[in-house]
Amino acid sequence: MSLKKATFIIILVLLIDQISKIYIKTNFVLGEHVEVFSWFKILFIENEGAAWGTKISDIIPGVSDEAGKLFLTVFRLIAICGIGYWLVDSVKKNSTPTLILAVSLIFAGALGNIIDSVFYGLIFDDSYGHVATLFSDESYGTLFHGKVVDMLHFPMIDTVLPDWFPIWGGKNFRFFEPVFNVADAAISIGVGVLLIFNKKAFPNEGK
């Protein structure tokens, strides 16, 4: 796969990711949801931390949320540079299309969330109790302190476990609980391709 094709994939994922985020941000109040199907909802939340909403301050006591957010954003920027190098190097070495596709998806997803983290705090006002405004004069944050917009929710199973079920009997059980975005999906698909089609992605390693 050529670098041109990889770039097309990255731009396509970024466009879908950012258009969906900007639409949700400018049309939904934080916490608002729309039920598309019983197993699929559009639910607007914002993620201030890493995966699963984890904050640096949750892991390292004494670190403020602001400092933790800045550290996380800088880490993401360093990581995206490494992924970008991996992609270009893979193309130069004529690696398999499977590998280049996977790395392109991971790069696009990581870049999509970085855009939120770096710029959204600067170009949007907050979404508490009202719909946010793009390019607002009253931004909710500063450069490098934006929140990642999530909206895809798939509660495919939402039930109460029977009382006889060990430990969790009588408690609510929901699958799939996390709320995510297109960028997260691209990263997950890219990693999944590398895991499932490992021999196709790295044929020389097998030899």
N, C-alpha and C. Protein backbone atom coordinates (compact mmCIF):
# COMPACT_ATOMS: atom_id res chain seq x y z
N MET A 1 0.85 -1.20 0.00
CA MET A 1 0.00 0.00 0.00
C MET A 1 0.88 1.25 0.00
N SER A 2 0.54 2.21 -0.83
CA SER A 2 1.34 3.43 -0.95
C SER A 2 1.01 4.41 0.18
N LEU A 3 1.89 5.39 0.36
CA LEU A 3 1.67 6.43 1.36
C LEU A 3 0.45 7.27 1.00
N LYS A 4 0.20 7.42 -0.29
CA LYS A 4 -0.96 8.19 -0.74
C LYS A 4 -2.26 7.53 -0.28
N LYS A 5 -2.34 6.21 -0.42
CA LYS A 5 -3.53 5.49 0.01
C LYS A 5 -3.68 5.53 1.53
N ALA A 6 -2.55 5.41 2.23
CA ALA A 6 -2.58 5.49 3.69
C ALA A 6 -3.06 6.87 4.15
N THR A 7 -2.59 7.90 3.45
CA THR A 7 -3.00 9.27 3.78
C THR A 7 -4.49 9.47 3.54
N PHE A 8 -5.01 8.86 2.47
CA PHE A 8 -6.45 8.94 2.18
C PHE A 8 -7.26 8.33 3.32
N ILE A 9 -6.82 7.17 3.80
CA ILE A 9 -7.51 6.50 4.91
C ILE A 9 -7.51 7.39 6.16
N ILE A 10 -6.35 7.97 6.44
CA ILE A 10 -6.21 8.84 7.62
C ILE A 10 -7.14 10.05 7.52
N ILE A 11 -7.14 10.71 6.36
CA ILE A 11 -7.99 11.90 6.17
C ILE A 11 -9.46 11.53 6.27
N LEU A 12 -9.84 10.39 5.69
CA LEU A 12 -11.24 9.95 5.74
C LEU A 12 -11.70 9.72 7.18
N VAL A 13 -10.88 9.00 7.96
CA VAL A 13 -11.22 8.74 9.36
C VAL A 13 -11.30 10.04 10.15
N LEU A 14 -10.33 10.94 9.92
CA LEU A 14 -10.32 12.22 10.63
C LEU A 14 -11.56 13.05 10.31
N LEU A 15 -11.96 13.07 9.05
CA LEU A 15 -13.14 13.84 8.66
C LEU A 15 -14.40 13.31 9.35
N ILE A 16 -14.58 11.99 9.30
CA ILE A 16 -15.75 11.39 9.95
C ILE A 16 -15.72 11.65 11.45
N ASP A 17 -14.54 11.49 12.05
CA ASP A 17 -14.39 11.69 13.49
C ASP A 17 -14.70 13.12 13.90
N GLN A 18 -14.07 14.08 13.23
CA GLN A 18 -14.22 15.47 13.63
C GLN A 18 -15.60 16.03 13.30
N ILE A 19 -16.16 15.64 12.15
CA ILE A 19 -17.51 16.10 11.80
C ILE A 19 -18.52 15.60 12.83
N SER A 20 -18.40 14.32 13.21
CA SER A 20 -19.33 13.76 14.20
C SER A 20 -19.17 14.45 15.55
N LYS A 21 -17.94 14.73 15.96
CA LYS A 21 -17.70 15.39 17.26
C LYS A 21 -18.23 16.82 17.27
N ILE A 22 -17.96 17.55 16.20
CA ILE A 22 -18.41 18.94 16.14
C ILE A 22 -19.93 18.99 16.09
N TYR A 23 -20.55 18.06 15.36
CA TYR A 23 -22.02 18.02 15.31
C TYR A 23 -22.60 17.77 16.71
N ILE A 24 -22.05 16.77 17.40
CA ILE A 24 -22.54 16.44 18.74
C ILE A 24 -22.32 17.62 19.68
N LYS A 25 -21.16 18.21 19.63
CA LYS A 25 -20.81 19.30 20.53
C LYS A 25 -21.71 20.52 20.31
N THR A 26 -22.11 20.77 19.07
CA THR A 26 -22.91 21.96 18.76
C THR A 26 -24.41 21.68 18.66
N ASN A 27 -24.83 20.44 18.97
CA ASN A 27 -26.25 20.12 18.92
C ASN A 27 -26.78 19.41 20.16
N PHE A 28 -25.87 18.96 21.04
CA PHE A 28 -26.28 18.22 22.22
C PHE A 28 -25.78 18.94 23.49
N VAL A 29 -26.59 18.90 24.52
CA VAL A 29 -26.16 19.33 25.85
C VAL A 29 -25.44 18.14 26.49
N LEU A 30 -24.45 18.41 27.30
CA LEU A 30 -23.70 17.34 27.95
C LEU A 30 -24.64 16.41 28.71
N GLY A 31 -24.55 15.11 28.42
CA GLY A 31 -25.40 14.12 29.06
C GLY A 31 -26.65 13.79 28.26
N GLU A 32 -26.96 14.58 27.24
CA GLU A 32 -28.15 14.33 26.41
C GLU A 32 -27.93 13.09 25.56
N HIS A 33 -29.00 12.34 25.30
CA HIS A 33 -28.87 11.16 24.48
C HIS A 33 -30.07 10.97 23.57
N VAL A 34 -29.85 10.24 22.49
CA VAL A 34 -30.90 9.86 21.56
C VAL A 34 -30.82 8.36 21.36
N GLU A 35 -31.95 7.67 21.52
CA GLU A 35 -31.97 6.22 21.34
C GLU A 35 -32.24 5.90 19.87
N VAL A 36 -31.24 5.37 19.19
CA VAL A 36 -31.38 4.98 17.79
C VAL A 36 -32.06 3.62 17.71
N PHE A 37 -31.51 2.67 18.46
CA PHE A 37 -32.11 1.35 18.65
C PHE A 37 -32.03 1.04 20.14
N SER A 38 -32.67 -0.03 20.57
CA SER A 38 -32.61 -0.38 21.98
C SER A 38 -31.18 -0.71 22.41
N TRP A 39 -30.35 -1.13 21.45
CA TRP A 39 -28.97 -1.52 21.74
C TRP A 39 -27.95 -0.48 21.29
N PHE A 40 -28.40 0.67 20.78
CA PHE A 40 -27.48 1.70 20.30
C PHE A 40 -28.03 3.08 20.62
N LYS A 41 -27.23 3.87 21.33
CA LYS A 41 -27.63 5.23 21.68
C LYS A 41 -26.53 6.22 21.30
N ILE A 42 -26.94 7.43 20.97
CA ILE A 42 -26.01 8.55 20.83
C ILE A 42 -26.04 9.27 22.17
N LEU A 43 -24.97 9.21 22.91
CA LEU A 43 -24.89 9.78 24.26
C LEU A 43 -23.68 10.70 24.34
N PHE A 44 -23.91 11.97 24.58
CA PHE A 44 -22.82 12.95 24.61
C PHE A 44 -22.18 13.03 25.99
N ILE A 45 -20.92 12.61 26.05
CA ILE A 45 -20.11 12.80 27.26
C ILE A 45 -18.76 13.35 26.83
N GLU A 46 -17.99 13.84 27.79
CA GLU A 46 -16.64 14.33 27.51
C GLU A 46 -15.66 13.60 28.41
N ASN A 47 -14.57 13.19 27.82
CA ASN A 47 -13.54 12.43 28.52
C ASN A 47 -12.36 13.35 28.82
N GLU A 48 -12.10 13.59 30.09
CA GLU A 48 -11.01 14.48 30.48
C GLU A 48 -9.68 13.76 30.62
N GLY A 49 -9.70 12.43 30.57
CA GLY A 49 -8.46 11.70 30.83
C GLY A 49 -8.10 10.77 29.71
N ALA A 50 -7.51 9.63 30.10
CA ALA A 50 -7.06 8.63 29.14
C ALA A 50 -8.20 7.66 28.88
N ALA A 51 -7.86 6.43 28.52
CA ALA A 51 -8.87 5.43 28.24
C ALA A 51 -9.74 5.18 29.47
N TRP A 52 -11.04 4.95 29.22
CA TRP A 52 -12.01 4.68 30.28
C TRP A 52 -12.17 5.85 31.25
N GLY A 53 -11.75 7.06 30.82
CA GLY A 53 -11.92 8.24 31.64
C GLY A 53 -10.94 8.36 32.79
N THR A 54 -9.89 7.52 32.78
CA THR A 54 -8.90 7.57 33.86
C THR A 54 -8.10 8.88 33.79
N LYS A 55 -7.87 9.47 34.94
CA LYS A 55 -7.06 10.69 35.03
C LYS A 55 -5.69 10.37 35.62
N ILE A 56 -4.70 11.16 35.24
CA ILE A 56 -3.36 11.00 35.80
C ILE A 56 -3.40 11.18 37.31
N SER A 57 -4.26 12.11 37.76
CA SER A 57 -4.37 12.38 39.21
C SER A 57 -4.94 11.18 39.96
N ASP A 58 -5.66 10.28 39.24
CA ASP A 58 -6.18 9.07 39.88
C ASP A 58 -5.06 8.07 40.12
N ILE A 59 -4.02 8.14 39.28
CA ILE A 59 -2.91 7.18 39.36
C ILE A 59 -1.79 7.71 40.24
N ILE A 60 -1.49 9.01 40.10
CA ILE A 60 -0.40 9.63 40.85
C ILE A 60 -0.98 10.67 41.80
N PRO A 61 -1.11 10.35 43.09
CA PRO A 61 -1.67 11.31 44.05
C PRO A 61 -0.82 12.59 44.12
N GLY A 62 -1.48 13.71 44.29
CA GLY A 62 -0.77 14.97 44.41
C GLY A 62 -0.65 15.72 43.11
N VAL A 63 -0.90 15.06 42.00
CA VAL A 63 -0.85 15.72 40.69
C VAL A 63 -2.21 16.35 40.41
N SER A 64 -2.23 17.64 40.11
CA SER A 64 -3.49 18.32 39.85
C SER A 64 -4.09 17.86 38.53
N ASP A 65 -5.39 18.06 38.39
CA ASP A 65 -6.06 17.67 37.14
C ASP A 65 -5.49 18.43 35.95
N GLU A 66 -5.18 19.71 36.15
CA GLU A 66 -4.63 20.53 35.06
C GLU A 66 -3.27 20.02 34.61
N ALA A 67 -2.40 19.72 35.58
CA ALA A 67 -1.07 19.20 35.26
C ALA A 67 -1.16 17.83 34.63
N GLY A 68 -2.07 17.00 35.14
CA GLY A 68 -2.26 15.66 34.59
C GLY A 68 -2.75 15.71 33.17
N LYS A 69 -3.67 16.64 32.89
CA LYS A 69 -4.21 16.79 31.54
C LYS A 69 -3.12 17.22 30.58
N LEU A 70 -2.29 18.18 30.99
CA LEU A 70 -1.18 18.65 30.15
C LEU A 70 -0.20 17.52 29.87
N PHE A 71 0.15 16.75 30.92
CA PHE A 71 1.07 15.63 30.75
C PHE A 71 0.51 14.62 29.75
N LEU A 72 -0.78 14.32 29.87
CA LEU A 72 -1.40 13.33 28.99
C LEU A 72 -1.40 13.81 27.54
N THR A 73 -1.68 15.09 27.33
CA THR A 73 -1.70 15.63 25.97
C THR A 73 -0.31 15.61 25.35
N VAL A 74 0.70 15.98 26.13
CA VAL A 74 2.08 15.95 25.63
C VAL A 74 2.50 14.52 25.30
N PHE A 75 2.10 13.58 26.17
CA PHE A 75 2.41 12.17 25.93
C PHE A 75 1.76 11.70 24.62
N ARG A 76 0.52 12.11 24.38
CA ARG A 76 -0.16 11.74 23.15
C ARG A 76 0.56 12.30 21.93
N LEU A 77 1.06 13.53 22.03
CA LEU A 77 1.78 14.14 20.92
C LEU A 77 3.06 13.38 20.61
N ILE A 78 3.77 12.95 21.66
CA ILE A 78 5.00 12.17 21.46
C ILE A 78 4.65 10.82 20.84
N ALA A 79 3.58 10.20 21.33
CA ALA A 79 3.16 8.90 20.82
C ALA A 79 2.79 8.98 19.34
N ILE A 80 2.07 10.05 18.94
CA ILE A 80 1.64 10.17 17.55
C ILE A 80 2.84 10.34 16.63
N CYS A 81 3.89 10.97 17.12
CA CYS A 81 5.12 11.11 16.32
C CYS A 81 5.73 9.72 16.07
N GLY A 82 5.74 8.89 17.12
CA GLY A 82 6.26 7.53 16.98
C GLY A 82 5.43 6.69 16.02
N ILE A 83 4.11 6.83 16.12
CA ILE A 83 3.23 6.07 15.22
C ILE A 83 3.39 6.55 13.78
N GLY A 84 3.55 7.87 13.61
CA GLY A 84 3.75 8.42 12.28
C GLY A 84 5.04 7.91 11.65
N TYR A 85 6.09 7.84 12.46
CA TYR A 85 7.37 7.30 11.96
C TYR A 85 7.21 5.84 11.57
N TRP A 86 6.49 5.08 12.38
CA TRP A 86 6.25 3.66 12.10
C TRP A 86 5.52 3.50 10.76
N LEU A 87 4.54 4.37 10.51
CA LEU A 87 3.77 4.30 9.28
C LEU A 87 4.65 4.59 8.06
N VAL A 88 5.39 5.69 8.12
CA VAL A 88 6.24 6.07 6.98
C VAL A 88 7.31 5.01 6.75
N ASP A 89 7.90 4.51 7.81
CA ASP A 89 8.93 3.48 7.70
C ASP A 89 8.36 2.19 7.10
N SER A 90 7.13 1.85 7.47
CA SER A 90 6.48 0.64 6.94
C SER A 90 6.24 0.76 5.45
N VAL A 91 5.84 1.97 5.01
CA VAL A 91 5.61 2.20 3.58
C VAL A 91 6.93 2.11 2.82
N LYS A 92 7.99 2.72 3.37
CA LYS A 92 9.30 2.70 2.71
C LYS A 92 9.84 1.28 2.57
N LYS A 93 9.55 0.45 3.55
CA LYS A 93 10.05 -0.93 3.53
C LYS A 93 9.11 -1.88 2.78
N ASN A 94 8.09 -1.31 2.11
CA ASN A 94 7.12 -2.12 1.37
C ASN A 94 6.50 -3.21 2.25
N SER A 95 6.13 -2.82 3.45
CA SER A 95 5.47 -3.76 4.36
C SER A 95 4.11 -4.15 3.80
N THR A 96 3.49 -5.14 4.39
CA THR A 96 2.22 -5.66 3.89
C THR A 96 1.11 -4.61 4.00
N PRO A 97 0.14 -4.67 3.07
CA PRO A 97 -1.02 -3.76 3.16
C PRO A 97 -1.75 -3.89 4.48
N THR A 98 -1.76 -5.08 5.05
CA THR A 98 -2.43 -5.31 6.33
C THR A 98 -1.80 -4.46 7.43
N LEU A 99 -0.47 -4.46 7.48
CA LEU A 99 0.24 -3.68 8.49
C LEU A 99 0.03 -2.18 8.28
N ILE A 100 0.16 -1.73 7.03
CA ILE A 100 0.02 -0.30 6.75
C ILE A 100 -1.40 0.18 7.04
N LEU A 101 -2.41 -0.65 6.70
CA LEU A 101 -3.79 -0.31 7.01
C LEU A 101 -4.00 -0.18 8.51
N ALA A 102 -3.49 -1.13 9.27
CA ALA A 102 -3.66 -1.11 10.73
C ALA A 102 -2.99 0.11 11.35
N VAL A 103 -1.77 0.40 10.93
CA VAL A 103 -1.04 1.54 11.49
C VAL A 103 -1.72 2.85 11.08
N SER A 104 -2.25 2.91 9.86
CA SER A 104 -2.96 4.11 9.41
C SER A 104 -4.18 4.38 10.27
N LEU A 105 -4.93 3.32 10.60
CA LEU A 105 -6.11 3.48 11.45
C LEU A 105 -5.73 3.92 12.86
N ILE A 106 -4.67 3.34 13.41
CA ILE A 106 -4.21 3.72 14.74
C ILE A 106 -3.75 5.17 14.75
N PHE A 107 -3.01 5.56 13.71
CA PHE A 107 -2.52 6.95 13.61
C PHE A 107 -3.69 7.93 13.51
N ALA A 108 -4.66 7.60 12.64
CA ALA A 108 -5.81 8.49 12.46
C ALA A 108 -6.61 8.63 13.75
N GLY A 109 -6.82 7.52 14.45
CA GLY A 109 -7.56 7.57 15.70
C GLY A 109 -6.85 8.38 16.77
N ALA A 110 -5.56 8.16 16.89
CA ALA A 110 -4.78 8.90 17.88
C ALA A 110 -4.78 10.39 17.56
N LEU A 111 -4.64 10.73 16.28
CA LEU A 111 -4.63 12.14 15.88
C LEU A 111 -6.00 12.78 16.11
N GLY A 112 -7.06 12.02 15.85
CA GLY A 112 -8.41 12.56 16.07
C GLY A 112 -8.63 12.97 17.51
N ASN A 113 -8.19 12.15 18.46
CA ASN A 113 -8.36 12.49 19.88
C ASN A 113 -7.40 13.58 20.33
N ILE A 114 -6.23 13.65 19.69
CA ILE A 114 -5.28 14.71 20.01
C ILE A 114 -5.86 16.08 19.63
N ILE A 115 -6.55 16.13 18.49
CA ILE A 115 -7.16 17.40 18.07
C ILE A 115 -8.11 17.91 19.15
N ASP A 116 -8.90 17.00 19.73
CA ASP A 116 -9.80 17.40 20.83
C ASP A 116 -9.00 17.94 22.01
N SER A 117 -7.98 17.17 22.41
CA SER A 117 -7.20 17.52 23.61
C SER A 117 -6.47 18.84 23.45
N VAL A 118 -5.98 19.12 22.26
CA VAL A 118 -5.18 20.32 22.04
C VAL A 118 -6.05 21.55 21.79
N PHE A 119 -7.09 21.42 20.95
CA PHE A 119 -7.79 22.61 20.47
C PHE A 119 -9.20 22.83 21.01
N TYR A 120 -9.91 21.78 21.43
CA TYR A 120 -11.32 21.96 21.77
C TYR A 120 -11.55 22.90 22.95
N GLY A 121 -10.64 22.90 23.91
CA GLY A 121 -10.79 23.81 25.04
C GLY A 121 -10.69 25.26 24.63
N LEU A 122 -10.03 25.48 23.51
CA LEU A 122 -9.78 26.85 23.03
C LEU A 122 -10.89 27.34 22.11
N ILE A 123 -11.53 26.43 21.36
CA ILE A 123 -12.49 26.88 20.33
C ILE A 123 -13.96 26.68 20.72
N PHE A 124 -14.22 25.97 21.82
CA PHE A 124 -15.60 25.77 22.28
C PHE A 124 -15.82 26.38 23.66
N ASP A 125 -17.06 26.79 23.94
CA ASP A 125 -17.41 27.04 25.33
C ASP A 125 -17.95 25.73 25.91
N ASP A 126 -18.30 25.73 27.20
CA ASP A 126 -18.69 24.46 27.83
C ASP A 126 -20.08 24.02 27.38
N SER A 127 -20.42 22.76 27.70
CA SER A 127 -21.70 22.18 27.28
C SER A 127 -22.63 21.90 28.45
N TYR A 128 -22.37 22.53 29.61
CA TYR A 128 -23.19 22.31 30.80
C TYR A 128 -24.49 23.11 30.73
N GLY A 129 -25.60 22.41 30.52
CA GLY A 129 -26.90 23.08 30.53
C GLY A 129 -27.25 23.81 29.25
N HIS A 130 -26.36 23.81 28.28
CA HIS A 130 -26.65 24.47 27.01
C HIS A 130 -25.77 23.87 25.92
N VAL A 131 -26.16 24.11 24.68
CA VAL A 131 -25.37 23.62 23.54
C VAL A 131 -24.16 24.50 23.35
N ALA A 132 -23.02 23.91 23.12
CA ALA A 132 -21.77 24.66 22.99
C ALA A 132 -21.73 25.45 21.68
N THR A 133 -20.93 26.49 21.69
CA THR A 133 -20.74 27.34 20.51
C THR A 133 -19.33 27.15 19.97
N LEU A 134 -19.23 26.93 18.67
CA LEU A 134 -17.92 26.80 18.03
C LEU A 134 -17.30 28.19 17.87
N PHE A 135 -16.02 28.29 18.16
CA PHE A 135 -15.28 29.56 18.11
C PHE A 135 -15.91 30.60 19.03
N SER A 136 -16.23 30.14 20.24
CA SER A 136 -16.85 31.01 21.24
C SER A 136 -15.82 31.98 21.83
N ASP A 137 -16.31 33.15 22.25
CA ASP A 137 -15.46 34.12 22.93
C ASP A 137 -15.18 33.70 24.37
N GLU A 138 -15.98 32.76 24.88
CA GLU A 138 -15.81 32.28 26.26
C GLU A 138 -15.44 30.80 26.24
N SER A 139 -14.22 30.50 25.83
CA SER A 139 -13.78 29.12 25.73
C SER A 139 -13.71 28.47 27.10
N TYR A 140 -13.95 27.15 27.15
CA TYR A 140 -14.00 26.46 28.44
C TYR A 140 -12.62 26.08 28.96
N GLY A 141 -11.60 26.19 28.11
CA GLY A 141 -10.25 25.81 28.53
C GLY A 141 -9.21 26.58 27.75
N THR A 142 -8.02 26.04 27.75
CA THR A 142 -6.91 26.66 27.03
C THR A 142 -6.27 25.63 26.10
N LEU A 143 -5.28 26.07 25.35
CA LEU A 143 -4.56 25.17 24.46
C LEU A 143 -3.98 24.01 25.27
N PHE A 144 -4.11 22.79 24.78
CA PHE A 144 -3.63 21.55 25.42
C PHE A 144 -4.51 21.08 26.58
N HIS A 145 -5.63 21.75 26.82
CA HIS A 145 -6.49 21.36 27.93
C HIS A 145 -7.93 21.08 27.48
N GLY A 146 -8.08 20.58 26.27
CA GLY A 146 -9.40 20.24 25.77
C GLY A 146 -9.88 18.88 26.25
N LYS A 147 -11.17 18.63 26.13
CA LYS A 147 -11.77 17.35 26.52
C LYS A 147 -12.16 16.58 25.26
N VAL A 148 -11.98 15.27 25.30
CA VAL A 148 -12.31 14.42 24.17
C VAL A 148 -13.82 14.15 24.14
N VAL A 149 -14.44 14.36 22.99
CA VAL A 149 -15.88 14.16 22.84
C VAL A 149 -16.17 12.70 22.50
N ASP A 150 -17.04 12.07 23.28
CA ASP A 150 -17.48 10.69 23.04
C ASP A 150 -18.99 10.69 22.85
N MET A 151 -19.47 9.75 22.01
CA MET A 151 -20.92 9.74 21.77
C MET A 151 -21.52 8.38 21.39
N LEU A 152 -20.72 7.39 21.08
CA LEU A 152 -21.25 6.10 20.64
C LEU A 152 -21.41 5.15 21.83
N HIS A 153 -22.64 4.71 22.05
CA HIS A 153 -22.93 3.87 23.20
C HIS A 153 -23.74 2.65 22.74
N PHE A 154 -23.25 1.47 23.07
CA PHE A 154 -23.90 0.23 22.64
C PHE A 154 -24.27 -0.65 23.85
N PRO A 155 -25.32 -0.28 24.58
CA PRO A 155 -25.77 -1.11 25.70
C PRO A 155 -26.56 -2.30 25.19
N MET A 156 -25.86 -3.24 24.54
CA MET A 156 -26.54 -4.37 23.88
C MET A 156 -27.26 -5.27 24.87
N ILE A 157 -26.73 -5.34 26.08
CA ILE A 157 -27.40 -6.10 27.14
C ILE A 157 -27.55 -5.17 28.35
N ASP A 158 -28.75 -4.95 28.78
CA ASP A 158 -29.01 -4.10 29.94
C ASP A 158 -30.08 -4.79 30.78
N THR A 159 -29.64 -5.49 31.81
CA THR A 159 -30.58 -6.31 32.58
C THR A 159 -30.15 -6.40 34.04
N VAL A 160 -30.99 -7.02 34.84
CA VAL A 160 -30.66 -7.29 36.25
C VAL A 160 -30.36 -8.78 36.37
N LEU A 161 -29.19 -9.09 36.89
CA LEU A 161 -28.80 -10.49 37.03
C LEU A 161 -29.69 -11.19 38.07
N PRO A 162 -30.03 -12.44 37.83
CA PRO A 162 -30.89 -13.17 38.78
C PRO A 162 -30.22 -13.31 40.15
N ASP A 163 -31.03 -13.42 41.18
CA ASP A 163 -30.52 -13.47 42.56
C ASP A 163 -29.57 -14.65 42.79
N TRP A 164 -29.78 -15.76 42.05
CA TRP A 164 -28.94 -16.93 42.26
C TRP A 164 -27.54 -16.79 41.66
N PHE A 165 -27.32 -15.71 40.87
CA PHE A 165 -26.01 -15.54 40.22
C PHE A 165 -24.96 -15.19 41.28
N PRO A 166 -23.81 -15.89 41.29
CA PRO A 166 -22.78 -15.66 42.31
C PRO A 166 -22.30 -14.21 42.34
N ILE A 167 -22.10 -13.68 43.52
CA ILE A 167 -21.51 -12.36 43.81
C ILE A 167 -22.36 -11.20 43.30
N TRP A 168 -22.67 -11.19 41.99
CA TRP A 168 -23.38 -10.05 41.40
C TRP A 168 -24.88 -10.26 41.29
N GLY A 169 -25.42 -11.28 41.88
CA GLY A 169 -26.85 -11.55 41.80
C GLY A 169 -27.70 -10.38 42.27
N GLY A 170 -28.73 -10.04 41.50
CA GLY A 170 -29.61 -8.94 41.85
C GLY A 170 -29.11 -7.58 41.42
N LYS A 171 -27.90 -7.51 40.87
CA LYS A 171 -27.33 -6.23 40.46
C LYS A 171 -27.53 -6.01 38.96
N ASN A 172 -27.52 -4.72 38.57
CA ASN A 172 -27.68 -4.38 37.16
C ASN A 172 -26.42 -4.76 36.38
N PHE A 173 -26.63 -5.32 35.20
CA PHE A 173 -25.52 -5.69 34.32
C PHE A 173 -25.75 -5.09 32.94
N ARG A 174 -24.74 -4.37 32.45
CA ARG A 174 -24.85 -3.75 31.13
C ARG A 174 -23.63 -4.08 30.30
N PHE A 175 -23.88 -4.52 29.07
CA PHE A 175 -22.81 -4.80 28.12
C PHE A 175 -23.25 -4.25 26.74
N PHE A 176 -22.63 -3.31 26.21
CA PHE A 176 -21.26 -2.83 26.39
C PHE A 176 -21.35 -1.46 27.04
N GLU A 177 -20.67 -1.22 28.16
CA GLU A 177 -20.84 -0.01 28.95
C GLU A 177 -20.11 1.22 28.42
N PRO A 178 -18.85 1.12 27.94
CA PRO A 178 -18.09 2.32 27.57
C PRO A 178 -18.75 3.14 26.45
N VAL A 179 -18.57 4.46 26.53
CA VAL A 179 -18.99 5.37 25.47
C VAL A 179 -17.72 5.81 24.75
N PHE A 180 -17.73 5.77 23.43
CA PHE A 180 -16.50 6.05 22.68
C PHE A 180 -16.81 6.88 21.45
N ASN A 181 -15.81 7.12 20.60
CA ASN A 181 -16.00 7.91 19.39
C ASN A 181 -15.38 7.20 18.19
N VAL A 182 -15.44 7.82 17.03
CA VAL A 182 -14.92 7.21 15.80
C VAL A 182 -13.42 6.99 15.89
N ALA A 183 -12.71 7.94 16.50
CA ALA A 183 -11.26 7.80 16.66
C ALA A 183 -10.91 6.58 17.51
N ASP A 184 -11.64 6.39 18.61
CA ASP A 184 -11.42 5.21 19.46
C ASP A 184 -11.67 3.93 18.67
N ALA A 185 -12.74 3.95 17.86
CA ALA A 185 -13.07 2.76 17.05
C ALA A 185 -11.95 2.46 16.06
N ALA A 186 -11.39 3.50 15.44
CA ALA A 186 -10.30 3.31 14.48
C ALA A 186 -9.08 2.68 15.15
N ILE A 187 -8.75 3.17 16.35
CA ILE A 187 -7.62 2.61 17.09
C ILE A 187 -7.88 1.15 17.42
N SER A 188 -9.07 0.85 17.91
CA SER A 188 -9.42 -0.52 18.30
C SER A 188 -9.39 -1.46 17.10
N ILE A 189 -9.92 -1.00 15.95
CA ILE A 189 -9.90 -1.82 14.74
C ILE A 189 -8.47 -2.07 14.29
N GLY A 190 -7.64 -1.01 14.33
CA GLY A 190 -6.25 -1.15 13.94
C GLY A 190 -5.50 -2.15 14.79
N VAL A 191 -5.68 -2.06 16.10
CA VAL A 191 -5.03 -3.01 17.02
C VAL A 191 -5.59 -4.41 16.80
N GLY A 192 -6.90 -4.50 16.58
CA GLY A 192 -7.53 -5.80 16.33
C GLY A 192 -6.98 -6.47 15.08
N VAL A 193 -6.77 -5.68 14.03
CA VAL A 193 -6.20 -6.22 12.79
C VAL A 193 -4.81 -6.78 13.04
N LEU A 194 -4.01 -6.06 13.82
CA LEU A 194 -2.65 -6.53 14.13
C LEU A 194 -2.67 -7.82 14.93
N LEU A 195 -3.64 -7.95 15.83
CA LEU A 195 -3.72 -9.15 16.66
C LEU A 195 -4.27 -10.35 15.90
N ILE A 196 -5.37 -10.11 15.17
CA ILE A 196 -6.04 -11.22 14.49
C ILE A 196 -5.29 -11.67 13.24
N PHE A 197 -4.76 -10.68 12.50
CA PHE A 197 -4.05 -11.00 11.25
C PHE A 197 -2.56 -10.78 11.41
N ASN A 198 -2.04 -11.21 12.55
CA ASN A 198 -0.64 -10.99 12.88
C ASN A 198 0.31 -11.57 11.84
N LYS A 199 0.03 -12.76 11.36
CA LYS A 199 0.92 -13.41 10.40
C LYS A 199 0.91 -12.71 9.04
N LYS A 200 -0.23 -12.12 8.69
CA LYS A 200 -0.31 -11.35 7.45
C LYS A 200 0.40 -10.01 7.59
N ALA A 201 0.29 -9.43 8.78
CA ALA A 201 0.91 -8.12 9.01
C ALA A 201 2.42 -8.22 9.10
N PHE A 202 2.90 -9.33 9.72
CA PHE A 202 4.34 -9.50 9.92
C PHE A 202 4.78 -10.87 9.38
N PRO A 203 4.69 -11.07 8.06
CA PRO A 203 5.03 -12.39 7.49
C PRO A 203 6.49 -12.77 7.70
N ASN A 204 7.38 -11.81 7.65
CA ASN A 204 8.81 -12.12 7.83
C ASN A 204 9.15 -12.55 9.24
N GLU A 205 8.37 -12.03 10.22
CA GLU A 205 8.62 -12.42 11.60
C GLU A 205 8.32 -13.89 11.81
N GLY A 206 7.27 -14.38 11.11
CA GLY A 206 6.92 -15.78 11.23
C GLY A 206 8.02 -16.70 10.70
N LYS A 207 8.69 -16.24 9.61
CA LYS A 207 9.77 -17.04 9.04
C LYS A 207 10.99 -17.03 9.94
